[in-house]
Amino acid sequence: MLASWFESFGSPDVITTGEIPAPQLVPNSVLVQVEAVAVDHVDTFVRNGRFKTALASPHIVGRDLVGTVVASNVAAFTPGQAVWSNAMGYDGRMGATAEYVVVPAPLLFPVPEGVDHHQLVVAVHSAATASIVLRDVMAAGPNNTLLIEGAAGHVGTKLVSLAHHMGLRVLTTSAPRDFSKLTQLGSDRCFDYHDPITTSVDEPVQHAIDTSGRIALNANLTVLTQGGEVTLITAPADRPFTFDGPAFYMALKHINGFVISHATTVQLQRAAEQLNHQFADGQLLDDTLLIKSFKDAPWAHDALESGTDHGHRIVLTP
């Protein structure tokens, strides 16, 4: 079968695309014929060794796939069924960028009828991150106020949409050109990201999350109300950072950290259920796509690392 893999850490040119033996079905798993995979920044972290995890050998790149069931030894999935997964390519599991992938059944989910497969596969990484952050990490509830910085990005837009549907009051920062889009997704107030949040945000905030890596940690802590929390999914702008310790602990504030690579199976399953409901309603499926082939995997990794993807979500097909 055709696949893209690497055998040692390094730059994008360590990725090879060629023929390797197809995988064999194992207990409690499903053999999927892959239609498309998404390329995420985390894929580059695995390839260059920055994210430490157990890898298969040779290690096939990629974690998010959409495809069709070929064979299954579990009752929940049958041949011909459209499915997706966002949990391949780490913790010893084979990666997604192959014509055939064996997926553990607990990490495989059905594609809702009528949903565009390419739009779905590029959405699942950022949308699942948003879902788990909101429901499990923040435990955000209706009528809480959430400040999302860098809200027009891939994770940011998913956070806005899901938070709105969960009944939160949503404040966002972005470029002014994105205000209309964010309002349509569910932002209640839009702020220009050029303006300091410590002066522009003038209402109590229970939760703050910066998706851009441009905001100093202490700035986010400052806008929080008592008992509020900052969730980090990227490093703050000030590294190493400092913050007002007494103001932090005297107001019972919290700092959370999260990466989806450490999400539990139960968290991934709960997120998938929420996402599939949203996908079926036509939500979360508005990314701009750039479709390439498996052989373009080195280019795709380089584009993400160099920032030359220009905001497109990259899809690779066999």
C-alpha atoms as a PDB file:
ATOM      1  CA  MET A   1       0.000   0.000   0.000  1.00  0.00           C
ATOM      2  CA  LEU A   2       1.034   3.624  -0.429  1.00  0.00           C
ATOM      3  CA  ALA A   3       2.077   5.436   2.750  1.00  0.00           C
ATOM      4  CA  SER A   4       4.180   8.343   4.026  1.00  0.00           C
ATOM      5  CA  TRP A   5       6.545   7.609   6.915  1.00  0.00           C
ATOM      6  CA  PHE A   6       9.824   8.467   8.593  1.00  0.00           C
ATOM      7  CA  GLU A   7      12.445   6.351  10.345  1.00  0.00           C
ATOM      8  CA  SER A   8      14.377   9.076  12.184  1.00  0.00           C
ATOM      9  CA  PHE A   9      13.546  12.507  13.565  1.00  0.00           C
ATOM     10  CA  GLY A  10      14.441  15.550  11.532  1.00  0.00           C
ATOM     11  CA  SER A  11      13.291  18.117   8.991  1.00  0.00           C
ATOM     12  CA  PRO A  12      10.379  17.469   6.601  1.00  0.00           C
ATOM     13  CA  ASP A  13      12.674  15.737   4.118  1.00  0.00           C
ATOM     14  CA  VAL A  14      12.964  12.696   6.421  1.00  0.00           C
ATOM     15  CA  ILE A  15       9.444  11.761   5.231  1.00  0.00           C
ATOM     16  CA  THR A  16       9.370   9.061   2.553  1.00  0.00           C
ATOM     17  CA  THR A  17       6.333   8.164   0.439  1.00  0.00           C
ATOM     18  CA  GLY A  18       6.254   4.708  -1.098  1.00  0.00           C
ATOM     19  CA  GLU A  19       4.929   1.174  -0.857  1.00  0.00           C
ATOM     20  CA  ILE A  20       4.879  -0.780   2.398  1.00  0.00           C
ATOM     21  CA  PRO A  21       2.922  -3.889   3.487  1.00  0.00           C
ATOM     22  CA  ALA A  22      -0.709  -3.325   4.428  1.00  0.00           C
ATOM     23  CA  PRO A  23      -1.543  -3.754   8.131  1.00  0.00           C
ATOM     24  CA  GLN A  24      -3.415  -6.767   9.467  1.00  0.00           C
ATOM     25  CA  LEU A  25      -6.586  -6.602  11.517  1.00  0.00           C
ATOM     26  CA  VAL A  26      -6.058  -7.204  15.244  1.00  0.00           C
ATOM     27  CA  PRO A  27      -8.623  -7.778  18.027  1.00  0.00           C
ATOM     28  CA  ASN A  28     -11.025  -4.933  18.805  1.00  0.00           C
ATOM     29  CA  SER A  29     -10.002  -2.975  15.723  1.00  0.00           C
ATOM     30  CA  VAL A  30     -11.238  -1.891  12.304  1.00  0.00           C
ATOM     31  CA  LEU A  31      -9.413  -1.854   8.958  1.00  0.00           C
ATOM     32  CA  VAL A  32     -10.116   1.451   7.221  1.00  0.00           C
ATOM     33  CA  GLN A  33      -9.428   2.400   3.612  1.00  0.00           C
ATOM     34  CA  VAL A  34      -8.284   5.989   3.929  1.00  0.00           C
ATOM     35  CA  GLU A  35      -9.901   8.660   1.778  1.00  0.00           C
ATOM     36  CA  ALA A  36      -8.138  11.699   3.229  1.00  0.00           C
ATOM     37  CA  VAL A  37      -5.976  12.855   6.126  1.00  0.00           C
ATOM     38  CA  ALA A  38      -5.458  16.272   7.676  1.00  0.00           C
ATOM     39  CA  VAL A  39      -2.035  17.747   8.407  1.00  0.00           C
ATOM     40  CA  ASP A  40      -1.750  19.429  11.814  1.00  0.00           C
ATOM     41  CA  HIS A  41       1.062  21.255  13.589  1.00  0.00           C
ATOM     42  CA  VAL A  42       1.257  18.391  16.072  1.00  0.00           C
ATOM     43  CA  ASP A  43       2.277  16.101  13.189  1.00  0.00           C
ATOM     44  CA  THR A  44       5.389  18.224  12.731  1.00  0.00           C
ATOM     45  CA  PHE A  45       6.119  18.008  16.473  1.00  0.00           C
ATOM     46  CA  VAL A  46       6.031  14.197  16.287  1.00  0.00           C
ATOM     47  CA  ARG A  47       8.245  14.146  13.170  1.00  0.00           C
ATOM     48  CA  ASN A  48      10.908  16.454  14.584  1.00  0.00           C
ATOM     49  CA  GLY A  49      10.914  14.770  17.997  1.00  0.00           C
ATOM     50  CA  ARG A  50       9.603  17.766  19.915  1.00  0.00           C
ATOM     51  CA  PHE A  51       6.587  15.812  21.159  1.00  0.00           C
ATOM     52  CA  LYS A  52       7.787  12.674  22.926  1.00  0.00           C
ATOM     53  CA  THR A  53       5.598   9.634  22.344  1.00  0.00           C
ATOM     54  CA  ALA A  54       5.876   5.945  21.532  1.00  0.00           C
ATOM     55  CA  LEU A  55       6.078   5.435  17.762  1.00  0.00           C
ATOM     56  CA  ALA A  56       5.564   2.512  15.431  1.00  0.00           C
ATOM     57  CA  SER A  57       8.471   1.555  13.148  1.00  0.00           C
ATOM     58  CA  PRO A  58       8.578   2.753  10.441  1.00  0.00           C
ATOM     59  CA  HIS A  59       6.359   5.533  11.711  1.00  0.00           C
ATOM     60  CA  ILE A  60       3.569   6.629   9.374  1.00  0.00           C
ATOM     61  CA  VAL A  61       2.830  10.351   9.752  1.00  0.00           C
ATOM     62  CA  GLY A  62      -0.519  11.907  10.589  1.00  0.00           C
ATOM     63  CA  ARG A  63      -3.286  11.403  13.130  1.00  0.00           C
ATOM     64  CA  ASP A  64      -6.614  12.541  11.603  1.00  0.00           C
ATOM     65  CA  LEU A  65      -8.274  10.403   8.923  1.00  0.00           C
ATOM     66  CA  VAL A  66     -11.571   9.833   7.186  1.00  0.00           C
ATOM     67  CA  GLY A  67     -12.339   6.743   5.155  1.00  0.00           C
ATOM     68  CA  THR A  68     -14.400   3.597   4.701  1.00  0.00           C
ATOM     69  CA  VAL A  69     -14.527   0.398   6.749  1.00  0.00           C
ATOM     70  CA  VAL A  70     -13.028  -2.552   4.856  1.00  0.00           C
ATOM     71  CA  ALA A  71     -13.101  -5.159   7.621  1.00  0.00           C
ATOM     72  CA  SER A  72     -14.105  -5.149  11.267  1.00  0.00           C
ATOM     73  CA  ASN A  73     -14.109  -7.539  14.193  1.00  0.00           C
ATOM     74  CA  VAL A  74     -16.447  -5.399  16.296  1.00  0.00           C
ATOM     75  CA  ALA A  75     -20.211  -5.129  15.927  1.00  0.00           C
ATOM     76  CA  ALA A  76     -20.279  -1.320  15.965  1.00  0.00           C
ATOM     77  CA  PHE A  77     -18.675  -0.966  12.508  1.00  0.00           C
ATOM     78  CA  THR A  78     -19.518  -2.702   9.238  1.00  0.00           C
ATOM     79  CA  PRO A  79     -17.840  -2.789   5.809  1.00  0.00           C
ATOM     80  CA  GLY A  80     -18.729   0.194   3.650  1.00  0.00           C
ATOM     81  CA  GLN A  81     -19.403   2.505   6.597  1.00  0.00           C
ATOM     82  CA  ALA A  82     -17.864   5.992   6.496  1.00  0.00           C
ATOM     83  CA  VAL A  83     -15.731   6.657   9.580  1.00  0.00           C
ATOM     84  CA  TRP A  84     -13.199   9.060  11.080  1.00  0.00           C
ATOM     85  CA  SER A  85     -10.503   9.075  13.739  1.00  0.00           C
ATOM     86  CA  ASN A  86      -8.369  11.791  15.310  1.00  0.00           C
ATOM     87  CA  ALA A  87      -6.118   9.648  17.489  1.00  0.00           C
ATOM     88  CA  MET A  88      -3.646   7.844  15.248  1.00  0.00           C
ATOM     89  CA  GLY A  89       0.116   8.323  14.939  1.00  0.00           C
ATOM     90  CA  TYR A  90       1.061   8.511  18.627  1.00  0.00           C
ATOM     91  CA  ASP A  91       1.125   6.272  21.730  1.00  0.00           C
ATOM     92  CA  GLY A  92       2.466   3.485  19.509  1.00  0.00           C
ATOM     93  CA  ARG A  93      -0.407   3.565  17.007  1.00  0.00           C
ATOM     94  CA  MET A  94       0.292   3.605  13.277  1.00  0.00           C
ATOM     95  CA  GLY A  95      -0.231   6.952  11.603  1.00  0.00           C
ATOM     96  CA  ALA A  96      -3.012   7.999   9.267  1.00  0.00           C
ATOM     97  CA  THR A  97      -1.190   8.757   5.999  1.00  0.00           C
ATOM     98  CA  ALA A  98      -1.601   5.337   4.415  1.00  0.00           C
ATOM     99  CA  GLU A  99      -4.054   3.693   2.054  1.00  0.00           C
ATOM    100  CA  TYR A 100      -5.110   1.295   4.818  1.00  0.00           C
ATOM    101  CA  VAL A 101      -5.007   1.895   8.565  1.00  0.00           C
ATOM    102  CA  VAL A 102      -5.988  -0.370  11.457  1.00  0.00           C
ATOM    103  CA  VAL A 103      -7.818   1.789  13.984  1.00  0.00           C
ATOM    104  CA  PRO A 104      -8.649   0.690  17.549  1.00  0.00           C
ATOM    105  CA  ALA A 105     -12.437   0.491  17.688  1.00  0.00           C
ATOM    106  CA  PRO A 106     -12.769   2.822  20.728  1.00  0.00           C
ATOM    107  CA  LEU A 107     -11.006   5.569  18.733  1.00  0.00           C
ATOM    108  CA  LEU A 108     -13.136   5.309  15.584  1.00  0.00           C
ATOM    109  CA  PHE A 109     -16.336   7.265  14.975  1.00  0.00           C
ATOM    110  CA  PRO A 110     -19.061   7.285  12.296  1.00  0.00           C
ATOM    111  CA  VAL A 111     -19.307  10.096   9.755  1.00  0.00           C
ATOM    112  CA  PRO A 112     -22.765  11.696   9.953  1.00  0.00           C
ATOM    113  CA  GLU A 113     -24.767  11.277   6.767  1.00  0.00           C
ATOM    114  CA  GLY A 114     -24.355  14.055   4.226  1.00  0.00           C
ATOM    115  CA  VAL A 115     -21.284  15.652   5.831  1.00  0.00           C
ATOM    116  CA  ASP A 116     -18.397  16.624   3.533  1.00  0.00           C
ATOM    117  CA  HIS A 117     -15.560  14.227   4.362  1.00  0.00           C
ATOM    118  CA  HIS A 118     -12.722  16.639   3.647  1.00  0.00           C
ATOM    119  CA  GLN A 119     -14.251  19.411   5.733  1.00  0.00           C
ATOM    120  CA  LEU A 120     -14.808  16.961   8.577  1.00  0.00           C
ATOM    121  CA  VAL A 121     -11.265  15.607   8.660  1.00  0.00           C
ATOM    122  CA  VAL A 122      -9.667  19.054   8.868  1.00  0.00           C
ATOM    123  CA  ALA A 123     -12.088  20.101  11.617  1.00  0.00           C
ATOM    124  CA  VAL A 124     -11.737  17.209  14.047  1.00  0.00           C
ATOM    125  CA  HIS A 125      -8.378  18.139  15.610  1.00  0.00           C
ATOM    126  CA  SER A 126      -9.196  21.748  16.464  1.00  0.00           C
ATOM    127  CA  ALA A 127     -12.857  21.041  17.222  1.00  0.00           C
ATOM    128  CA  ALA A 128     -12.086  18.147  19.571  1.00  0.00           C
ATOM    129  CA  THR A 129      -9.505  20.324  21.316  1.00  0.00           C
ATOM    130  CA  ALA A 130     -12.152  23.013  21.787  1.00  0.00           C
ATOM    131  CA  SER A 131     -14.738  20.529  23.025  1.00  0.00           C
ATOM    132  CA  ILE A 132     -12.478  18.953  25.639  1.00  0.00           C
ATOM    133  CA  VAL A 133     -11.138  22.317  26.800  1.00  0.00           C
ATOM    134  CA  LEU A 134     -14.628  23.729  27.302  1.00  0.00           C
ATOM    135  CA  ARG A 135     -16.266  20.728  28.932  1.00  0.00           C
ATOM    136  CA  ASP A 136     -13.461  18.945  30.778  1.00  0.00           C
ATOM    137  CA  VAL A 137     -10.577  21.358  31.351  1.00  0.00           C
ATOM    138  CA  MET A 138     -12.560  24.539  32.045  1.00  0.00           C
ATOM    139  CA  ALA A 139     -15.822  22.847  33.019  1.00  0.00           C
ATOM    140  CA  ALA A 140     -17.395  26.011  31.625  1.00  0.00           C
ATOM    141  CA  GLY A 141     -21.103  26.421  32.175  1.00  0.00           C
ATOM    142  CA  PRO A 142     -23.991  28.450  30.770  1.00  0.00           C
ATOM    143  CA  ASN A 143     -23.785  32.177  31.495  1.00  0.00           C
ATOM    144  CA  ASN A 144     -20.036  32.010  32.186  1.00  0.00           C
ATOM    145  CA  THR A 145     -18.055  34.604  30.247  1.00  0.00           C
ATOM    146  CA  LEU A 146     -15.223  33.261  28.085  1.00  0.00           C
ATOM    147  CA  LEU A 147     -12.517  35.416  26.506  1.00  0.00           C
ATOM    148  CA  ILE A 148     -10.988  33.825  23.382  1.00  0.00           C
ATOM    149  CA  GLU A 149      -7.888  35.502  21.976  1.00  0.00           C
ATOM    150  CA  GLY A 150      -6.845  34.798  18.411  1.00  0.00           C
ATOM    151  CA  ALA A 151     -10.442  33.768  17.857  1.00  0.00           C
ATOM    152  CA  ALA A 152     -10.334  33.813  14.052  1.00  0.00           C
ATOM    153  CA  GLY A 153      -7.861  30.916  13.871  1.00  0.00           C
ATOM    154  CA  HIS A 154      -8.659  27.226  13.469  1.00  0.00           C
ATOM    155  CA  VAL A 155      -9.037  26.423  17.168  1.00  0.00           C
ATOM    156  CA  GLY A 156     -10.457  29.858  17.949  1.00  0.00           C
ATOM    157  CA  THR A 157     -13.419  29.590  15.589  1.00  0.00           C
ATOM    158  CA  LYS A 158     -14.273  26.145  16.960  1.00  0.00           C
ATOM    159  CA  LEU A 159     -14.138  27.498  20.506  1.00  0.00           C
ATOM    160  CA  VAL A 160     -16.446  30.381  19.581  1.00  0.00           C
ATOM    161  CA  SER A 161     -19.007  28.138  17.913  1.00  0.00           C
ATOM    162  CA  LEU A 162     -19.071  25.445  20.595  1.00  0.00           C
ATOM    163  CA  ALA A 163     -19.051  27.922  23.484  1.00  0.00           C
ATOM    164  CA  HIS A 164     -21.979  29.784  21.931  1.00  0.00           C
ATOM    165  CA  HIS A 165     -23.962  26.564  21.547  1.00  0.00           C
ATOM    166  CA  MET A 166     -23.179  25.688  25.175  1.00  0.00           C
ATOM    167  CA  GLY A 167     -24.718  28.961  26.364  1.00  0.00           C
ATOM    168  CA  LEU A 168     -21.571  30.870  27.318  1.00  0.00           C
ATOM    169  CA  ARG A 169     -21.118  34.598  26.837  1.00  0.00           C
ATOM    170  CA  VAL A 170     -18.272  34.832  24.325  1.00  0.00           C
ATOM    171  CA  LEU A 171     -15.765  37.683  24.027  1.00  0.00           C
ATOM    172  CA  THR A 172     -13.194  37.523  21.231  1.00  0.00           C
ATOM    173  CA  THR A 173     -10.067  39.282  20.044  1.00  0.00           C
ATOM    174  CA  SER A 174      -9.066  39.302  16.390  1.00  0.00           C
ATOM    175  CA  ALA A 175      -8.332  41.595  13.479  1.00  0.00           C
ATOM    176  CA  PRO A 176     -11.329  43.862  12.750  1.00  0.00           C
ATOM    177  CA  ARG A 177     -11.812  42.197   9.362  1.00  0.00           C
ATOM    178  CA  ASP A 178     -12.857  39.029  11.229  1.00  0.00           C
ATOM    179  CA  PHE A 179     -15.486  40.673  13.455  1.00  0.00           C
ATOM    180  CA  SER A 180     -18.403  39.838  11.160  1.00  0.00           C
ATOM    181  CA  LYS A 181     -17.439  36.170  10.868  1.00  0.00           C
ATOM    182  CA  LEU A 182     -16.945  35.800  14.609  1.00  0.00           C
ATOM    183  CA  THR A 183     -20.270  37.474  15.338  1.00  0.00           C
ATOM    184  CA  GLN A 184     -21.984  34.990  13.025  1.00  0.00           C
ATOM    185  CA  LEU A 185     -20.280  32.115  14.861  1.00  0.00           C
ATOM    186  CA  GLY A 186     -21.509  33.391  18.222  1.00  0.00           C
ATOM    187  CA  SER A 187     -19.194  36.082  19.587  1.00  0.00           C
ATOM    188  CA  ASP A 188     -21.102  38.528  21.796  1.00  0.00           C
ATOM    189  CA  ARG A 189     -18.370  41.197  21.734  1.00  0.00           C
ATOM    190  CA  CYS A 190     -15.388  41.567  19.404  1.00  0.00           C
ATOM    191  CA  PHE A 191     -12.199  43.405  20.375  1.00  0.00           C
ATOM    192  CA  ASP A 192      -9.320  44.515  18.165  1.00  0.00           C
ATOM    193  CA  TYR A 193      -6.324  42.356  19.033  1.00  0.00           C
ATOM    194  CA  HIS A 194      -4.054  45.403  18.733  1.00  0.00           C
ATOM    195  CA  ASP A 195      -5.650  46.933  21.853  1.00  0.00           C
ATOM    196  CA  PRO A 196      -4.456  45.800  25.314  1.00  0.00           C
ATOM    197  CA  ILE A 197      -7.065  43.477  26.808  1.00  0.00           C
ATOM    198  CA  THR A 198      -6.465  44.930  30.267  1.00  0.00           C
ATOM    199  CA  THR A 199      -8.055  48.184  29.098  1.00  0.00           C
ATOM    200  CA  SER A 200     -10.460  47.030  26.378  1.00  0.00           C
ATOM    201  CA  VAL A 201     -12.161  44.164  28.244  1.00  0.00           C
ATOM    202  CA  ASP A 202     -14.391  45.934  30.756  1.00  0.00           C
ATOM    203  CA  GLU A 203     -16.546  43.141  32.174  1.00  0.00           C
ATOM    204  CA  PRO A 204     -15.895  40.168  34.490  1.00  0.00           C
ATOM    205  CA  VAL A 205     -14.365  37.119  32.792  1.00  0.00           C
ATOM    206  CA  GLN A 206     -14.518  33.609  34.266  1.00  0.00           C
ATOM    207  CA  HIS A 207     -12.404  31.890  31.598  1.00  0.00           C
ATOM    208  CA  ALA A 208      -9.662  33.099  29.254  1.00  0.00           C
ATOM    209  CA  ILE A 209      -7.804  31.202  26.542  1.00  0.00           C
ATOM    210  CA  ASP A 210      -5.213  32.507  24.095  1.00  0.00           C
ATOM    211  CA  THR A 211      -4.943  30.490  20.879  1.00  0.00           C
ATOM    212  CA  SER A 212      -2.407  32.851  19.315  1.00  0.00           C
ATOM    213  CA  GLY A 213       0.536  32.845  21.716  1.00  0.00           C
ATOM    214  CA  ARG A 214       0.594  36.654  21.582  1.00  0.00           C
ATOM    215  CA  ILE A 215      -0.834  37.513  24.996  1.00  0.00           C
ATOM    216  CA  ALA A 216       1.221  37.853  28.172  1.00  0.00           C
ATOM    217  CA  LEU A 217       0.046  35.502  30.905  1.00  0.00           C
ATOM    218  CA  ASN A 218      -0.347  38.256  33.484  1.00  0.00           C
ATOM    219  CA  ALA A 219      -2.615  40.214  31.126  1.00  0.00           C
ATOM    220  CA  ASN A 220      -5.042  37.306  30.998  1.00  0.00           C
ATOM    221  CA  LEU A 221      -4.841  36.769  34.740  1.00  0.00           C
ATOM    222  CA  THR A 222      -5.591  40.456  35.286  1.00  0.00           C
ATOM    223  CA  VAL A 223      -8.933  40.383  33.431  1.00  0.00           C
ATOM    224  CA  LEU A 224     -10.198  37.373  35.382  1.00  0.00           C
ATOM    225  CA  THR A 225     -12.800  37.704  38.081  1.00  0.00           C
ATOM    226  CA  GLN A 226     -12.331  35.958  41.437  1.00  0.00           C
ATOM    227  CA  GLY A 227     -12.025  32.214  40.922  1.00  0.00           C
ATOM    228  CA  GLY A 228     -11.402  32.645  37.208  1.00  0.00           C
ATOM    229  CA  GLU A 229      -8.999  30.558  35.188  1.00  0.00           C
ATOM    230  CA  VAL A 230      -6.640  30.820  32.252  1.00  0.00           C
ATOM    231  CA  THR A 231      -6.248  27.745  30.044  1.00  0.00           C
ATOM    232  CA  LEU A 232      -3.019  27.401  28.087  1.00  0.00           C
ATOM    233  CA  ILE A 233      -2.990  25.476  24.812  1.00  0.00           C
ATOM    234  CA  THR A 234       0.030  27.378  23.527  1.00  0.00           C
ATOM    235  CA  ALA A 235       2.848  29.191  25.315  1.00  0.00           C
ATOM    236  CA  PRO A 236       2.182  32.797  26.389  1.00  0.00           C
ATOM    237  CA  ALA A 237       3.988  35.601  24.601  1.00  0.00           C
ATOM    238  CA  ASP A 238       6.280  36.321  27.553  1.00  0.00           C
ATOM    239  CA  ARG A 239       8.615  33.353  27.956  1.00  0.00           C
ATOM    240  CA  PRO A 240       9.772  32.914  30.628  1.00  0.00           C
ATOM    241  CA  PHE A 241       6.733  34.631  32.079  1.00  0.00           C
ATOM    242  CA  THR A 242       6.046  36.414  35.337  1.00  0.00           C
ATOM    243  CA  PHE A 243       2.783  37.295  37.038  1.00  0.00           C
ATOM    244  CA  ASP A 244       1.507  38.944  40.182  1.00  0.00           C
ATOM    245  CA  GLY A 245       1.598  36.060  42.655  1.00  0.00           C
ATOM    246  CA  PRO A 246      -0.357  37.635  45.522  1.00  0.00           C
ATOM    247  CA  ALA A 247      -3.099  38.902  43.185  1.00  0.00           C
ATOM    248  CA  PHE A 248      -3.267  35.404  41.704  1.00  0.00           C
ATOM    249  CA  TYR A 249      -3.710  33.339  44.838  1.00  0.00           C
ATOM    250  CA  MET A 250      -5.673  35.889  46.849  1.00  0.00           C
ATOM    251  CA  ALA A 251      -8.338  35.901  44.121  1.00  0.00           C
ATOM    252  CA  LEU A 252      -8.373  32.074  43.917  1.00  0.00           C
ATOM    253  CA  LYS A 253      -7.378  32.123  40.248  1.00  0.00           C
ATOM    254  CA  HIS A 254      -6.204  29.061  38.316  1.00  0.00           C
ATOM    255  CA  ILE A 255      -3.965  28.166  35.380  1.00  0.00           C
ATOM    256  CA  ASN A 256      -4.719  25.051  33.312  1.00  0.00           C
ATOM    257  CA  GLY A 257      -2.676  23.427  30.567  1.00  0.00           C
ATOM    258  CA  PHE A 258      -3.924  21.076  27.857  1.00  0.00           C
ATOM    259  CA  VAL A 259      -2.803  19.244  24.738  1.00  0.00           C
ATOM    260  CA  ILE A 260      -5.137  16.821  23.004  1.00  0.00           C
ATOM    261  CA  SER A 261      -2.386  14.216  22.726  1.00  0.00           C
ATOM    262  CA  HIS A 262      -2.922  13.546  26.450  1.00  0.00           C
ATOM    263  CA  ALA A 263      -6.716  13.361  26.235  1.00  0.00           C
ATOM    264  CA  THR A 264      -8.208  10.136  27.536  1.00  0.00           C
ATOM    265  CA  THR A 265     -10.188   7.747  25.366  1.00  0.00           C
ATOM    266  CA  VAL A 266     -13.357   8.758  27.216  1.00  0.00           C
ATOM    267  CA  GLN A 267     -12.654  12.443  26.563  1.00  0.00           C
ATOM    268  CA  LEU A 268     -12.094  11.770  22.859  1.00  0.00           C
ATOM    269  CA  GLN A 269     -15.317   9.757  22.688  1.00  0.00           C
ATOM    270  CA  ARG A 270     -17.374  12.454  24.423  1.00  0.00           C
ATOM    271  CA  ALA A 271     -15.889  15.085  22.144  1.00  0.00           C
ATOM    272  CA  ALA A 272     -16.646  12.983  19.060  1.00  0.00           C
ATOM    273  CA  GLU A 273     -20.283  12.664  20.108  1.00  0.00           C
ATOM    274  CA  GLN A 274     -20.595  16.431  20.494  1.00  0.00           C
ATOM    275  CA  LEU A 275     -18.781  17.100  17.215  1.00  0.00           C
ATOM    276  CA  ASN A 276     -20.916  14.669  15.247  1.00  0.00           C
ATOM    277  CA  HIS A 277     -24.056  16.448  16.449  1.00  0.00           C
ATOM    278  CA  GLN A 278     -22.554  19.744  15.303  1.00  0.00           C
ATOM    279  CA  PHE A 279     -21.354  18.293  11.985  1.00  0.00           C
ATOM    280  CA  ALA A 280     -24.815  16.868  11.283  1.00  0.00           C
ATOM    281  CA  ASP A 281     -26.214  20.391  11.763  1.00  0.00           C
ATOM    282  CA  GLY A 282     -23.668  21.843   9.339  1.00  0.00           C
ATOM    283  CA  GLN A 283     -21.563  23.467  12.065  1.00  0.00           C
ATOM    284  CA  LEU A 284     -17.734  23.623  12.414  1.00  0.00           C
ATOM    285  CA  LEU A 285     -17.219  22.885   8.715  1.00  0.00           C
ATOM    286  CA  ASP A 286     -16.080  26.232   7.331  1.00  0.00           C
ATOM    287  CA  ASP A 287     -12.304  25.860   6.899  1.00  0.00           C
ATOM    288  CA  THR A 288     -10.565  26.794   3.649  1.00  0.00           C
ATOM    289  CA  LEU A 289      -9.011  23.645   2.190  1.00  0.00           C
ATOM    290  CA  LEU A 290      -5.871  22.949   0.211  1.00  0.00           C
ATOM    291  CA  ILE A 291      -5.947  19.408  -1.182  1.00  0.00           C
ATOM    292  CA  LYS A 292      -2.702  17.635  -2.027  1.00  0.00           C
ATOM    293  CA  SER A 293      -1.530  14.012  -2.266  1.00  0.00           C
ATOM    294  CA  PHE A 294       0.423  11.752   0.101  1.00  0.00           C
ATOM    295  CA  LYS A 295       3.633  12.472  -1.810  1.00  0.00           C
ATOM    296  CA  ASP A 296       3.245  16.118  -0.788  1.00  0.00           C
ATOM    297  CA  ALA A 297       3.570  15.295   2.924  1.00  0.00           C
ATOM    298  CA  PRO A 298       7.087  16.827   3.207  1.00  0.00           C
ATOM    299  CA  TRP A 299       5.831  20.005   1.539  1.00  0.00           C
ATOM    300  CA  ALA A 300       2.824  20.116   3.887  1.00  0.00           C
ATOM    301  CA  HIS A 301       5.015  19.842   6.988  1.00  0.00           C
ATOM    302  CA  ASP A 302       7.324  22.541   5.658  1.00  0.00           C
ATOM    303  CA  ALA A 303       4.362  24.818   4.876  1.00  0.00           C
ATOM    304  CA  LEU A 304       3.060  24.562   8.439  1.00  0.00           C
ATOM    305  CA  GLU A 305       6.470  25.126   9.988  1.00  0.00           C
ATOM    306  CA  SER A 306       7.281  28.097   7.755  1.00  0.00           C
ATOM    307  CA  GLY A 307       3.801  29.634   7.913  1.00  0.00           C
ATOM    308  CA  THR A 308       3.333  29.452   4.149  1.00  0.00           C
ATOM    309  CA  ASP A 309       0.044  27.543   4.409  1.00  0.00           C
ATOM    310  CA  HIS A 310      -1.656  30.993   4.450  1.00  0.00           C
ATOM    311  CA  GLY A 311      -4.398  29.868   6.798  1.00  0.00           C
ATOM    312  CA  HIS A 312      -5.459  26.934   4.628  1.00  0.00           C
ATOM    313  CA  ARG A 313      -6.163  23.523   6.137  1.00  0.00           C
ATOM    314  CA  ILE A 314      -4.127  20.935   4.270  1.00  0.00           C
ATOM    315  CA  VAL A 315      -5.718  17.659   3.182  1.00  0.00           C
ATOM    316  CA  LEU A 316      -3.679  14.772   1.766  1.00  0.00           C
ATOM    317  CA  THR A 317      -5.238  12.019  -0.347  1.00  0.00           C
ATOM    318  CA  PRO A 318      -3.720   8.719  -1.583  1.00  0.00           C
END
